[in-house]
Each structure stands twice: as structure tokens, then as C-alpha cells.
Amino acid sequence: MEAYSVAHSTLGHRLHGCSSWQEAAQRRLKMTSGEEEAIEEWCLTVASWCMPLRVKMLHNMSEQLLWGALGKEWTKDFIDRYPKLQSAWSKQFDFKRAACSYNCYDRL
């Protein structure tokens, strides 16, 4: 099929039932894309709470969702697949600013 720039060998492989490399890679993943997106949303939610999310915490939560063990490198590979998740340095707490802030919880 020269009109679509597809090699004849590729067409032959598809005709005989071979899958593309994207489909094969998807089958090798432990989780479905929906499960991984749920984990990504959870990570972003935890980050919006200004709670530090550790790698071990992400790994444990993912194993609970999957009900099974994940490999040692799964967390690193997961973070590489989702660019929204990135490491950030936390700032040191400014104690002078905290001392003069109004705390409404003291009045409850």
C-alpha cells in the first residue's frame, strides 16, 4: 500500500493476526490505562493537599489497587509515563511568618 506508506510486511503481519508494538506493550503492563489514570488522579489530589507523596506510598497504593505485587522499577516507569507527576523540592517553613498568622482554630 504505497498510498499510505505502509510496508507490505506490516500488512502481512496484521493479516495473520500479529499485533502492533503498541498493542503488545499495552498487554505487558500490569494495570489497565484506566487504573493508571486513577492512580495519577490520586497522586495529583494528594499533591493538591500539600501532602508530600513518597515513592513508597505510591507503590503501596498501586499494589492495593491491583491486589498484587508490582516490580521494583514499576514506580519509576509509572512516573516516566505520566509527565504531570514530577518531583519538586519543598520549601523550608518560614516560622516568623507562621508566628504572626491568624489561627482561627484557637477560637473553636
PDB file of N, CA and C in Angstrom:
ATOM      1  N   MET A   1       0.842  -1.179   0.000  1.00  0.00           N
ATOM      2  CA  MET A   1       0.000   0.000   0.000  1.00  0.00           C
ATOM      3  C   MET A   1       0.884   1.238   0.000  1.00  0.00           C
ATOM      4  N   GLU A   2       1.334   1.613  -1.139  1.00  0.00           N
ATOM      5  CA  GLU A   2       2.207   2.771  -1.251  1.00  0.00           C
ATOM      6  C   GLU A   2       1.464   4.072  -0.987  1.00  0.00           C
ATOM      7  N   ALA A   3       0.170   4.095  -1.195  1.00  0.00           N
ATOM      8  CA  ALA A   3      -0.601   5.321  -0.968  1.00  0.00           C
ATOM      9  C   ALA A   3      -0.578   5.721   0.501  1.00  0.00           C
ATOM     10  N   TYR A   4      -0.455   4.761   1.416  1.00  0.00           N
ATOM     11  CA  TYR A   4      -0.463   5.045   2.849  1.00  0.00           C
ATOM     12  C   TYR A   4       0.899   4.855   3.499  1.00  0.00           C
ATOM     13  N   SER A   5       1.914   4.596   2.742  1.00  0.00           N
ATOM     14  CA  SER A   5       3.283   4.395   3.238  1.00  0.00           C
ATOM     15  C   SER A   5       3.363   3.276   4.270  1.00  0.00           C
ATOM     16  N   VAL A   6       2.690   2.183   4.019  1.00  0.00           N
ATOM     17  CA  VAL A   6       2.709   1.030   4.911  1.00  0.00           C
ATOM     18  C   VAL A   6       3.483  -0.084   4.216  1.00  0.00           C
ATOM     19  N   ALA A   7       4.425  -0.663   4.924  1.00  0.00           N
ATOM     20  CA  ALA A   7       5.231  -1.741   4.348  1.00  0.00           C
ATOM     21  C   ALA A   7       4.375  -2.983   4.117  1.00  0.00           C
ATOM     22  N   HIS A   8       4.711  -3.728   3.085  1.00  0.00           N
ATOM     23  CA  HIS A   8       3.981  -4.961   2.771  1.00  0.00           C
ATOM     24  C   HIS A   8       4.119  -5.979   3.903  1.00  0.00           C
ATOM     25  N   SER A   9       5.272  -6.007   4.555  1.00  0.00           N
ATOM     26  CA  SER A   9       5.462  -6.950   5.665  1.00  0.00           C
ATOM     27  C   SER A   9       4.528  -6.613   6.829  1.00  0.00           C
ATOM     28  N   THR A  10       4.300  -5.322   7.077  1.00  0.00           N
ATOM     29  CA  THR A  10       3.385  -4.916   8.147  1.00  0.00           C
ATOM     30  C   THR A  10       1.970  -5.376   7.837  1.00  0.00           C
ATOM     31  N   LEU A  11       1.545  -5.187   6.614  1.00  0.00           N
ATOM     32  CA  LEU A  11       0.206  -5.642   6.223  1.00  0.00           C
ATOM     33  C   LEU A  11       0.079  -7.154   6.337  1.00  0.00           C
ATOM     34  N   GLY A  12       1.125  -7.871   5.956  1.00  0.00           N
ATOM     35  CA  GLY A  12       1.109  -9.322   6.078  1.00  0.00           C
ATOM     36  C   GLY A  12       1.013  -9.770   7.525  1.00  0.00           C
ATOM     37  N   HIS A  13       1.745  -9.111   8.403  1.00  0.00           N
ATOM     38  CA  HIS A  13       1.690  -9.459   9.825  1.00  0.00           C
ATOM     39  C   HIS A  13       0.302  -9.198  10.399  1.00  0.00           C
ATOM     40  N   ARG A  14      -0.299  -8.063  10.050  1.00  0.00           N
ATOM     41  CA  ARG A  14      -1.639  -7.749  10.558  1.00  0.00           C
ATOM     42  C   ARG A  14      -2.669  -8.743  10.013  1.00  0.00           C
ATOM     43  N   LEU A  15      -2.495  -9.124   8.766  1.00  0.00           N
ATOM     44  CA  LEU A  15      -3.411 -10.069   8.142  1.00  0.00           C
ATOM     45  C   LEU A  15      -3.374 -11.426   8.844  1.00  0.00           C
ATOM     46  N   HIS A  16      -2.199 -11.808   9.339  1.00  0.00           N
ATOM     47  CA  HIS A  16      -2.042 -13.097  10.022  1.00  0.00           C
ATOM     48  C   HIS A  16      -2.267 -13.000  11.528  1.00  0.00           C
ATOM     49  N   GLY A  17      -2.729 -11.847  12.004  1.00  0.00           N
ATOM     50  CA  GLY A  17      -3.114 -11.727  13.409  1.00  0.00           C
ATOM     51  C   GLY A  17      -2.054 -11.199  14.345  1.00  0.00           C
ATOM     52  N   CYS A  18      -0.907 -10.788  13.843  1.00  0.00           N
ATOM     53  CA  CYS A  18       0.127 -10.216  14.716  1.00  0.00           C
ATOM     54  C   CYS A  18      -0.303  -8.815  15.146  1.00  0.00           C
ATOM     55  N   SER A  19       0.002  -8.473  16.370  1.00  0.00           N
ATOM     56  CA  SER A  19      -0.392  -7.156  16.874  1.00  0.00           C
ATOM     57  C   SER A  19       0.733  -6.148  16.678  1.00  0.00           C
ATOM     58  N   SER A  20       0.376  -4.885  16.756  1.00  0.00           N
ATOM     59  CA  SER A  20       1.375  -3.823  16.637  1.00  0.00           C
ATOM     60  C   SER A  20       2.189  -3.756  17.924  1.00  0.00           C
ATOM     61  N   TRP A  21       3.294  -3.035  17.896  1.00  0.00           N
ATOM     62  CA  TRP A  21       4.135  -2.948  19.095  1.00  0.00           C
ATOM     63  C   TRP A  21       3.426  -2.180  20.197  1.00  0.00           C
ATOM     64  N   GLN A  22       2.536  -1.233  19.859  1.00  0.00           N
ATOM     65  CA  GLN A  22       1.787  -0.504  20.886  1.00  0.00           C
ATOM     66  C   GLN A  22       0.822  -1.436  21.618  1.00  0.00           C
ATOM     67  N   GLU A  23       0.139  -2.284  20.868  1.00  0.00           N
ATOM     68  CA  GLU A  23      -0.786  -3.235  21.486  1.00  0.00           C
ATOM     69  C   GLU A  23      -0.040  -4.248  22.344  1.00  0.00           C
ATOM     70  N   ALA A  24       1.099  -4.705  21.874  1.00  0.00           N
ATOM     71  CA  ALA A  24       1.894  -5.669  22.640  1.00  0.00           C
ATOM     72  C   ALA A  24       2.423  -5.039  23.922  1.00  0.00           C
ATOM     73  N   ALA A  25       2.845  -3.789  23.850  1.00  0.00           N
ATOM     74  CA  ALA A  25       3.346  -3.092  25.042  1.00  0.00           C
ATOM     75  C   ALA A  25       2.226  -2.894  26.054  1.00  0.00           C
ATOM     76  N   GLN A  26       1.022  -2.596  25.599  1.00  0.00           N
ATOM     77  CA  GLN A  26      -0.121  -2.404  26.498  1.00  0.00           C
ATOM     78  C   GLN A  26      -0.444  -3.693  27.252  1.00  0.00           C
ATOM     79  N   ARG A  27      -0.324  -4.836  26.585  1.00  0.00           N
ATOM     80  CA  ARG A  27      -0.605  -6.118  27.247  1.00  0.00           C
ATOM     81  C   ARG A  27       0.442  -6.460  28.298  1.00  0.00           C
ATOM     82  N   ARG A  28       1.666  -5.952  28.143  1.00  0.00           N
ATOM     83  CA  ARG A  28       2.723  -6.250  29.114  1.00  0.00           C
ATOM     84  C   ARG A  28       2.580  -5.443  30.397  1.00  0.00           C
ATOM     85  N   LEU A  29       1.778  -4.383  30.388  1.00  0.00           N
ATOM     86  CA  LEU A  29       1.608  -3.565  31.582  1.00  0.00           C
ATOM     87  C   LEU A  29       0.779  -4.310  32.616  1.00  0.00           C
ATOM     88  N   LYS A  30       1.061  -4.050  33.889  1.00  0.00           N
ATOM     89  CA  LYS A  30       0.334  -4.713  34.968  1.00  0.00           C
ATOM     90  C   LYS A  30      -1.083  -4.171  35.112  1.00  0.00           C
ATOM     91  N   MET A  31      -1.250  -2.861  34.879  1.00  0.00           N
ATOM     92  CA  MET A  31      -2.543  -2.210  35.067  1.00  0.00           C
ATOM     93  C   MET A  31      -3.100  -1.755  33.727  1.00  0.00           C
ATOM     94  N   THR A  32      -4.402  -1.585  33.698  1.00  0.00           N
ATOM     95  CA  THR A  32      -5.025  -1.010  32.516  1.00  0.00           C
ATOM     96  C   THR A  32      -4.777   0.495  32.516  1.00  0.00           C
ATOM     97  N   SER A  33      -5.022   1.132  31.396  1.00  0.00           N
ATOM     98  CA  SER A  33      -4.811   2.578  31.329  1.00  0.00           C
ATOM     99  C   SER A  33      -5.774   3.305  32.263  1.00  0.00           C
ATOM    100  N   GLY A  34      -6.978   2.785  32.454  1.00  0.00           N
ATOM    101  CA  GLY A  34      -7.932   3.392  33.384  1.00  0.00           C
ATOM    102  C   GLY A  34      -7.446   3.339  34.825  1.00  0.00           C
ATOM    103  N   GLU A  35      -6.868   2.209  35.212  1.00  0.00           N
ATOM    104  CA  GLU A  35      -6.327   2.085  36.570  1.00  0.00           C
ATOM    105  C   GLU A  35      -5.149   3.030  36.769  1.00  0.00           C
ATOM    106  N   GLU A  36      -4.296   3.137  35.753  1.00  0.00           N
ATOM    107  CA  GLU A  36      -3.151   4.043  35.870  1.00  0.00           C
ATOM    108  C   GLU A  36      -3.604   5.496  35.929  1.00  0.00           C
ATOM    109  N   GLU A  37      -4.649   5.841  35.185  1.00  0.00           N
ATOM    110  CA  GLU A  37      -5.166   7.206  35.248  1.00  0.00           C
ATOM    111  C   GLU A  37      -5.778   7.494  36.610  1.00  0.00           C
ATOM    112  N   ALA A  38      -6.403   6.498  37.234  1.00  0.00           N
ATOM    113  CA  ALA A  38      -6.943   6.674  38.583  1.00  0.00           C
ATOM    114  C   ALA A  38      -5.811   6.921  39.578  1.00  0.00           C
ATOM    115  N   ILE A  39      -4.708   6.194  39.437  1.00  0.00           N
ATOM    116  CA  ILE A  39      -3.546   6.413  40.304  1.00  0.00           C
ATOM    117  C   ILE A  39      -2.979   7.809  40.069  1.00  0.00           C
ATOM    118  N   GLU A  40      -2.916   8.242  38.813  1.00  0.00           N
ATOM    119  CA  GLU A  40      -2.412   9.586  38.510  1.00  0.00           C
ATOM    120  C   GLU A  40      -3.292  10.652  39.161  1.00  0.00           C
ATOM    121  N   GLU A  41      -4.612  10.504  39.061  1.00  0.00           N
ATOM    122  CA  GLU A  41      -5.531  11.462  39.682  1.00  0.00           C
ATOM    123  C   GLU A  41      -5.357  11.478  41.196  1.00  0.00           C
ATOM    124  N   TRP A  42      -5.161  10.304  41.792  1.00  0.00           N
ATOM    125  CA  TRP A  42      -4.945  10.228  43.235  1.00  0.00           C
ATOM    126  C   TRP A  42      -3.672  10.970  43.622  1.00  0.00           C
ATOM    127  N   CYS A  43      -2.610  10.795  42.847  1.00  0.00           N
ATOM    128  CA  CYS A  43      -1.346  11.491  43.114  1.00  0.00           C
ATOM    129  C   CYS A  43      -1.534  13.000  43.045  1.00  0.00           C
ATOM    130  N   LEU A  44      -2.247  13.463  42.032  1.00  0.00           N
ATOM    131  CA  LEU A  44      -2.476  14.899  41.883  1.00  0.00           C
ATOM    132  C   LEU A  44      -3.366  15.439  42.998  1.00  0.00           C
ATOM    133  N   THR A  45      -4.324  14.637  43.452  1.00  0.00           N
ATOM    134  CA  THR A  45      -5.175  15.053  44.568  1.00  0.00           C
ATOM    135  C   THR A  45      -4.368  15.175  45.849  1.00  0.00           C
ATOM    136  N   VAL A  46      -3.531  14.197  46.119  1.00  0.00           N
ATOM    137  CA  VAL A  46      -2.678  14.244  47.314  1.00  0.00           C
ATOM    138  C   VAL A  46      -1.748  15.453  47.249  1.00  0.00           C
ATOM    139  N   ALA A  47      -1.213  15.737  46.068  1.00  0.00           N
ATOM    140  CA  ALA A  47      -0.338  16.901  45.902  1.00  0.00           C
ATOM    141  C   ALA A  47      -1.105  18.201  46.120  1.00  0.00           C
ATOM    142  N   SER A  48      -2.381  18.241  45.728  1.00  0.00           N
ATOM    143  CA  SER A  48      -3.176  19.456  45.934  1.00  0.00           C
ATOM    144  C   SER A  48      -3.446  19.704  47.414  1.00  0.00           C
ATOM    145  N   TRP A  49      -3.351  18.669  48.235  1.00  0.00           N
ATOM    146  CA  TRP A  49      -3.495  18.820  49.680  1.00  0.00           C
ATOM    147  C   TRP A  49      -2.192  19.268  50.338  1.00  0.00           C
ATOM    148  N   CYS A  50      -1.166  19.499  49.537  1.00  0.00           N
ATOM    149  CA  CYS A  50       0.181  19.868  50.015  1.00  0.00           C
ATOM    150  C   CYS A  50       0.768  18.789  50.908  1.00  0.00           C
ATOM    151  N   MET A  51       0.423  17.565  50.622  1.00  0.00           N
ATOM    152  CA  MET A  51       0.945  16.428  51.373  1.00  0.00           C
ATOM    153  C   MET A  51       2.047  15.784  50.541  1.00  0.00           C
ATOM    154  N   PRO A  52       3.229  15.611  51.107  1.00  0.00           N
ATOM    155  CA  PRO A  52       4.308  15.013  50.312  1.00  0.00           C
ATOM    156  C   PRO A  52       4.007  13.546  50.002  1.00  0.00           C
ATOM    157  N   LEU A  53       4.069  13.214  48.744  1.00  0.00           N
ATOM    158  CA  LEU A  53       3.807  11.848  48.299  1.00  0.00           C
ATOM    159  C   LEU A  53       5.135  11.154  48.060  1.00  0.00           C
ATOM    160  N   ARG A  54       5.411  10.158  48.832  1.00  0.00           N
ATOM    161  CA  ARG A  54       6.666   9.432  48.702  1.00  0.00           C
ATOM    162  C   ARG A  54       6.501   8.274  47.716  1.00  0.00           C
ATOM    163  N   VAL A  55       7.619   7.844  47.181  1.00  0.00           N
ATOM    164  CA  VAL A  55       7.614   6.758  46.201  1.00  0.00           C
ATOM    165  C   VAL A  55       7.026   5.492  46.819  1.00  0.00           C
ATOM    166  N   LYS A  56       7.375   5.203  48.047  1.00  0.00           N
ATOM    167  CA  LYS A  56       6.868   4.005  48.733  1.00  0.00           C
ATOM    168  C   LYS A  56       5.353   4.078  48.906  1.00  0.00           C
ATOM    169  N   MET A  57       4.838   5.280  49.196  1.00  0.00           N
ATOM    170  CA  MET A  57       3.399   5.462  49.361  1.00  0.00           C
ATOM    171  C   MET A  57       2.667   5.211  48.037  1.00  0.00           C
ATOM    172  N   LEU A  58       3.229   5.708  46.943  1.00  0.00           N
ATOM    173  CA  LEU A  58       2.660   5.475  45.613  1.00  0.00           C
ATOM    174  C   LEU A  58       2.688   3.988  45.275  1.00  0.00           C
ATOM    175  N   HIS A  59       3.791   3.330  45.577  1.00  0.00           N
ATOM    176  CA  HIS A  59       3.936   1.898  45.298  1.00  0.00           C
ATOM    177  C   HIS A  59       2.905   1.087  46.092  1.00  0.00           C
ATOM    178  N   ASN A  60       2.755   1.398  47.381  1.00  0.00           N
ATOM    179  CA  ASN A  60       1.803   0.666  48.222  1.00  0.00           C
ATOM    180  C   ASN A  60       0.364   0.871  47.756  1.00  0.00           C
ATOM    181  N   MET A  61       0.012   2.111  47.416  1.00  0.00           N
ATOM    182  CA  MET A  61      -1.347   2.396  46.957  1.00  0.00           C
ATOM    183  C   MET A  61      -1.641   1.658  45.648  1.00  0.00           C
ATOM    184  N   SER A  62      -0.666   1.615  44.772  1.00  0.00           N
ATOM    185  CA  SER A  62      -0.840   0.929  43.491  1.00  0.00           C
ATOM    186  C   SER A  62      -1.006  -0.573  43.693  1.00  0.00           C
ATOM    187  N   GLU A  63      -0.248  -1.142  44.609  1.00  0.00           N
ATOM    188  CA  GLU A  63      -0.381  -2.576  44.896  1.00  0.00           C
ATOM    189  C   GLU A  63      -1.743  -2.888  45.504  1.00  0.00           C
ATOM    190  N   GLN A  64      -2.268  -1.981  46.333  1.00  0.00           N
ATOM    191  CA  GLN A  64      -3.596  -2.204  46.904  1.00  0.00           C
ATOM    192  C   GLN A  64      -4.670  -2.171  45.826  1.00  0.00           C
ATOM    193  N   LEU A  65      -4.532  -1.253  44.879  1.00  0.00           N
ATOM    194  CA  LEU A  65      -5.494  -1.180  43.782  1.00  0.00           C
ATOM    195  C   LEU A  65      -5.429  -2.430  42.916  1.00  0.00           C
ATOM    196  N   LEU A  66      -4.236  -2.912  42.683  1.00  0.00           N
ATOM    197  CA  LEU A  66      -4.029  -4.069  41.810  1.00  0.00           C
ATOM    198  C   LEU A  66      -4.288  -5.393  42.525  1.00  0.00           C
ATOM    199  N   TRP A  67      -4.233  -5.403  43.831  1.00  0.00           N
ATOM    200  CA  TRP A  67      -4.341  -6.615  44.636  1.00  0.00           C
ATOM    201  C   TRP A  67      -3.231  -7.592  44.270  1.00  0.00           C
ATOM    202  N   GLY A  68      -2.037  -7.060  44.080  1.00  0.00           N
ATOM    203  CA  GLY A  68      -0.912  -7.915  43.733  1.00  0.00           C
ATOM    204  C   GLY A  68       0.389  -7.156  43.814  1.00  0.00           C
ATOM    205  N   ALA A  69       1.469  -7.881  43.654  1.00  0.00           N
ATOM    206  CA  ALA A  69       2.794  -7.282  43.770  1.00  0.00           C
ATOM    207  C   ALA A  69       3.208  -6.633  42.454  1.00  0.00           C
ATOM    208  N   LEU A  70       3.903  -5.529  42.584  1.00  0.00           N
ATOM    209  CA  LEU A  70       4.472  -4.832  41.438  1.00  0.00           C
ATOM    210  C   LEU A  70       5.988  -4.956  41.508  1.00  0.00           C
ATOM    211  N   GLY A  71       6.638  -4.793  40.390  1.00  0.00           N
ATOM    212  CA  GLY A  71       8.089  -4.894  40.344  1.00  0.00           C
ATOM    213  C   GLY A  71       8.783  -3.714  41.008  1.00  0.00           C
ATOM    214  N   LYS A  72      10.095  -3.866  41.206  1.00  0.00           N
ATOM    215  CA  LYS A  72      10.881  -2.817  41.849  1.00  0.00           C
ATOM    216  C   LYS A  72      10.889  -1.524  41.048  1.00  0.00           C
ATOM    217  N   GLU A  73      10.931  -1.622  39.748  1.00  0.00           N
ATOM    218  CA  GLU A  73      11.047  -0.451  38.878  1.00  0.00           C
ATOM    219  C   GLU A  73       9.695   0.082  38.408  1.00  0.00           C
ATOM    220  N   TRP A  74       8.587  -0.482  38.875  1.00  0.00           N
ATOM    221  CA  TRP A  74       7.282  -0.077  38.383  1.00  0.00           C
ATOM    222  C   TRP A  74       7.011   1.397  38.667  1.00  0.00           C
ATOM    223  N   THR A  75       7.327   1.859  39.860  1.00  0.00           N
ATOM    224  CA  THR A  75       7.034   3.242  40.236  1.00  0.00           C
ATOM    225  C   THR A  75       7.790   4.216  39.351  1.00  0.00           C
ATOM    226  N   LYS A  76       9.059   3.949  39.097  1.00  0.00           N
ATOM    227  CA  LYS A  76       9.861   4.822  38.234  1.00  0.00           C
ATOM    228  C   LYS A  76       9.288   4.842  36.826  1.00  0.00           C
ATOM    229  N   ASP A  77       8.940   3.683  36.305  1.00  0.00           N
ATOM    230  CA  ASP A  77       8.363   3.605  34.963  1.00  0.00           C
ATOM    231  C   ASP A  77       7.014   4.319  34.899  1.00  0.00           C
ATOM    232  N   PHE A  78       6.219   4.200  35.964  1.00  0.00           N
ATOM    233  CA  PHE A  78       4.916   4.869  36.015  1.00  0.00           C
ATOM    234  C   PHE A  78       5.090   6.383  35.968  1.00  0.00           C
ATOM    235  N   ILE A  79       6.009   6.898  36.759  1.00  0.00           N
ATOM    236  CA  ILE A  79       6.252   8.347  36.778  1.00  0.00           C
ATOM    237  C   ILE A  79       6.774   8.816  35.424  1.00  0.00           C
ATOM    238  N   ASP A  80       7.582   7.998  34.763  1.00  0.00           N
ATOM    239  CA  ASP A  80       8.072   8.350  33.424  1.00  0.00           C
ATOM    240  C   ASP A  80       6.938   8.396  32.396  1.00  0.00           C
ATOM    241  N   ARG A  81       5.918   7.545  32.568  1.00  0.00           N
ATOM    242  CA  ARG A  81       4.799   7.523  31.624  1.00  0.00           C
ATOM    243  C   ARG A  81       3.857   8.708  31.799  1.00  0.00           C
ATOM    244  N   TYR A  82       3.830   9.319  32.980  1.00  0.00           N
ATOM    245  CA  TYR A  82       2.907  10.413  33.266  1.00  0.00           C
ATOM    246  C   TYR A  82       3.692  11.673  33.612  1.00  0.00           C
ATOM    247  N   PRO A  83       3.890  12.549  32.633  1.00  0.00           N
ATOM    248  CA  PRO A  83       4.729  13.738  32.853  1.00  0.00           C
ATOM    249  C   PRO A  83       4.130  14.753  33.824  1.00  0.00           C
ATOM    250  N   LYS A  84       2.824  14.669  34.117  1.00  0.00           N
ATOM    251  CA  LYS A  84       2.243  15.585  35.109  1.00  0.00           C
ATOM    252  C   LYS A  84       2.826  15.336  36.495  1.00  0.00           C
ATOM    253  N   LEU A  85       3.276  14.119  36.719  1.00  0.00           N
ATOM    254  CA  LEU A  85       3.854  13.760  38.013  1.00  0.00           C
ATOM    255  C   LEU A  85       5.348  14.030  37.950  1.00  0.00           C
ATOM    256  N   GLN A  86       5.781  14.961  38.732  1.00  0.00           N
ATOM    257  CA  GLN A  86       7.202  15.271  38.744  1.00  0.00           C
ATOM    258  C   GLN A  86       7.612  15.630  40.159  1.00  0.00           C
ATOM    259  N   SER A  87       8.865  15.436  40.442  1.00  0.00           N
ATOM    260  CA  SER A  87       9.380  15.738  41.769  1.00  0.00           C
ATOM    261  C   SER A  87       9.528  17.239  41.933  1.00  0.00           C
ATOM    262  N   ALA A  88       9.328  17.683  43.148  1.00  0.00           N
ATOM    263  CA  ALA A  88       9.508  19.099  43.458  1.00  0.00           C
ATOM    264  C   ALA A  88      10.133  19.209  44.841  1.00  0.00           C
ATOM    265  N   TRP A  89      11.001  20.177  45.005  1.00  0.00           N
ATOM    266  CA  TRP A  89      11.606  20.420  46.297  1.00  0.00           C
ATOM    267  C   TRP A  89      10.629  21.215  47.146  1.00  0.00           C
ATOM    268  N   SER A  90      10.448  20.804  48.375  1.00  0.00           N
ATOM    269  CA  SER A  90       9.587  21.569  49.270  1.00  0.00           C
ATOM    270  C   SER A  90      10.393  22.703  49.890  1.00  0.00           C
ATOM    271  N   LYS A  91       9.704  23.789  50.160  1.00  0.00           N
ATOM    272  CA  LYS A  91      10.370  24.953  50.735  1.00  0.00           C
ATOM    273  C   LYS A  91      10.421  24.822  52.247  1.00  0.00           C
ATOM    274  N   GLN A  92      11.443  25.421  52.825  1.00  0.00           N
ATOM    275  CA  GLN A  92      11.558  25.406  54.272  1.00  0.00           C
ATOM    276  C   GLN A  92      10.448  26.260  54.860  1.00  0.00           C
ATOM    277  N   PHE A  93       9.875  25.803  55.956  1.00  0.00           N
ATOM    278  CA  PHE A  93       8.778  26.508  56.603  1.00  0.00           C
ATOM    279  C   PHE A  93       9.294  27.792  57.229  1.00  0.00           C
ATOM    280  N   ASP A  94       8.633  28.899  56.951  1.00  0.00           N
ATOM    281  CA  ASP A  94       9.029  30.195  57.498  1.00  0.00           C
ATOM    282  C   ASP A  94       8.342  30.375  58.852  1.00  0.00           C
ATOM    283  N   PHE A  95       9.084  30.156  59.931  1.00  0.00           N
ATOM    284  CA  PHE A  95       8.500  30.200  61.266  1.00  0.00           C
ATOM    285  C   PHE A  95       8.091  31.607  61.678  1.00  0.00           C
ATOM    286  N   LYS A  96       8.785  32.646  61.190  1.00  0.00           N
ATOM    287  CA  LYS A  96       8.399  34.025  61.512  1.00  0.00           C
ATOM    288  C   LYS A  96       7.021  34.338  60.938  1.00  0.00           C
ATOM    289  N   ARG A  97       6.792  33.892  59.743  1.00  0.00           N
ATOM    290  CA  ARG A  97       5.507  34.130  59.101  1.00  0.00           C
ATOM    291  C   ARG A  97       4.405  33.332  59.791  1.00  0.00           C
ATOM    292  N   ALA A  98       4.703  32.126  60.217  1.00  0.00           N
ATOM    293  CA  ALA A  98       3.709  31.293  60.886  1.00  0.00           C
ATOM    294  C   ALA A  98       3.348  31.849  62.253  1.00  0.00           C
ATOM    295  N   ALA A  99       4.302  32.480  62.928  1.00  0.00           N
ATOM    296  CA  ALA A  99       4.046  33.011  64.264  1.00  0.00           C
ATOM    297  C   ALA A  99       3.061  34.169  64.225  1.00  0.00           C
ATOM    298  N   CYS A 100       3.042  34.931  63.161  1.00  0.00           N
ATOM    299  CA  CYS A 100       2.147  36.085  63.101  1.00  0.00           C
ATOM    300  C   CYS A 100       0.873  35.805  62.316  1.00  0.00           C
ATOM    301  N   SER A 101       0.670  34.584  61.875  1.00  0.00           N
ATOM    302  CA  SER A 101      -0.553  34.275  61.136  1.00  0.00           C
ATOM    303  C   SER A 101      -1.717  34.096  62.100  1.00  0.00           C
ATOM    304  N   TYR A 102      -2.883  34.425  61.641  1.00  0.00           N
ATOM    305  CA  TYR A 102      -4.092  34.338  62.442  1.00  0.00           C
ATOM    306  C   TYR A 102      -4.584  32.900  62.423  1.00  0.00           C
ATOM    307  N   ASN A 103      -4.748  32.324  63.585  1.00  0.00           N
ATOM    308  CA  ASN A 103      -5.193  30.941  63.679  1.00  0.00           C
ATOM    309  C   ASN A 103      -6.633  30.917  64.173  1.00  0.00           C
ATOM    310  N   CYS A 104      -7.561  30.663  63.300  1.00  0.00           N
ATOM    311  CA  CYS A 104      -8.977  30.661  63.668  1.00  0.00           C
ATOM    312  C   CYS A 104      -9.366  29.419  64.458  1.00  0.00           C
ATOM    313  N   TYR A 105      -8.527  28.401  64.479  1.00  0.00           N
ATOM    314  CA  TYR A 105      -8.870  27.170  65.185  1.00  0.00           C
ATOM    315  C   TYR A 105      -8.739  27.315  66.697  1.00  0.00           C
ATOM    316  N   ASP A 106      -8.010  28.334  67.149  1.00  0.00           N
ATOM    317  CA  ASP A 106      -7.889  28.548  68.591  1.00  0.00           C
ATOM    318  C   ASP A 106      -9.210  28.986  69.194  1.00  0.00           C
ATOM    319  N   ARG A 107     -10.089  29.544  68.400  1.00  0.00           N
ATOM    320  CA  ARG A 107     -11.351  30.078  68.901  1.00  0.00           C
ATOM    321  C   ARG A 107     -12.445  29.025  68.977  1.00  0.00           C
ATOM    322  N   LEU A 108     -12.236  27.854  68.434  1.00  0.00           N
ATOM    323  CA  LEU A 108     -13.284  26.821  68.429  1.00  0.00           C
ATOM    324  C   LEU A 108     -13.426  26.134  69.745  1.00  0.00           C
TER     325      LEU A 108
END
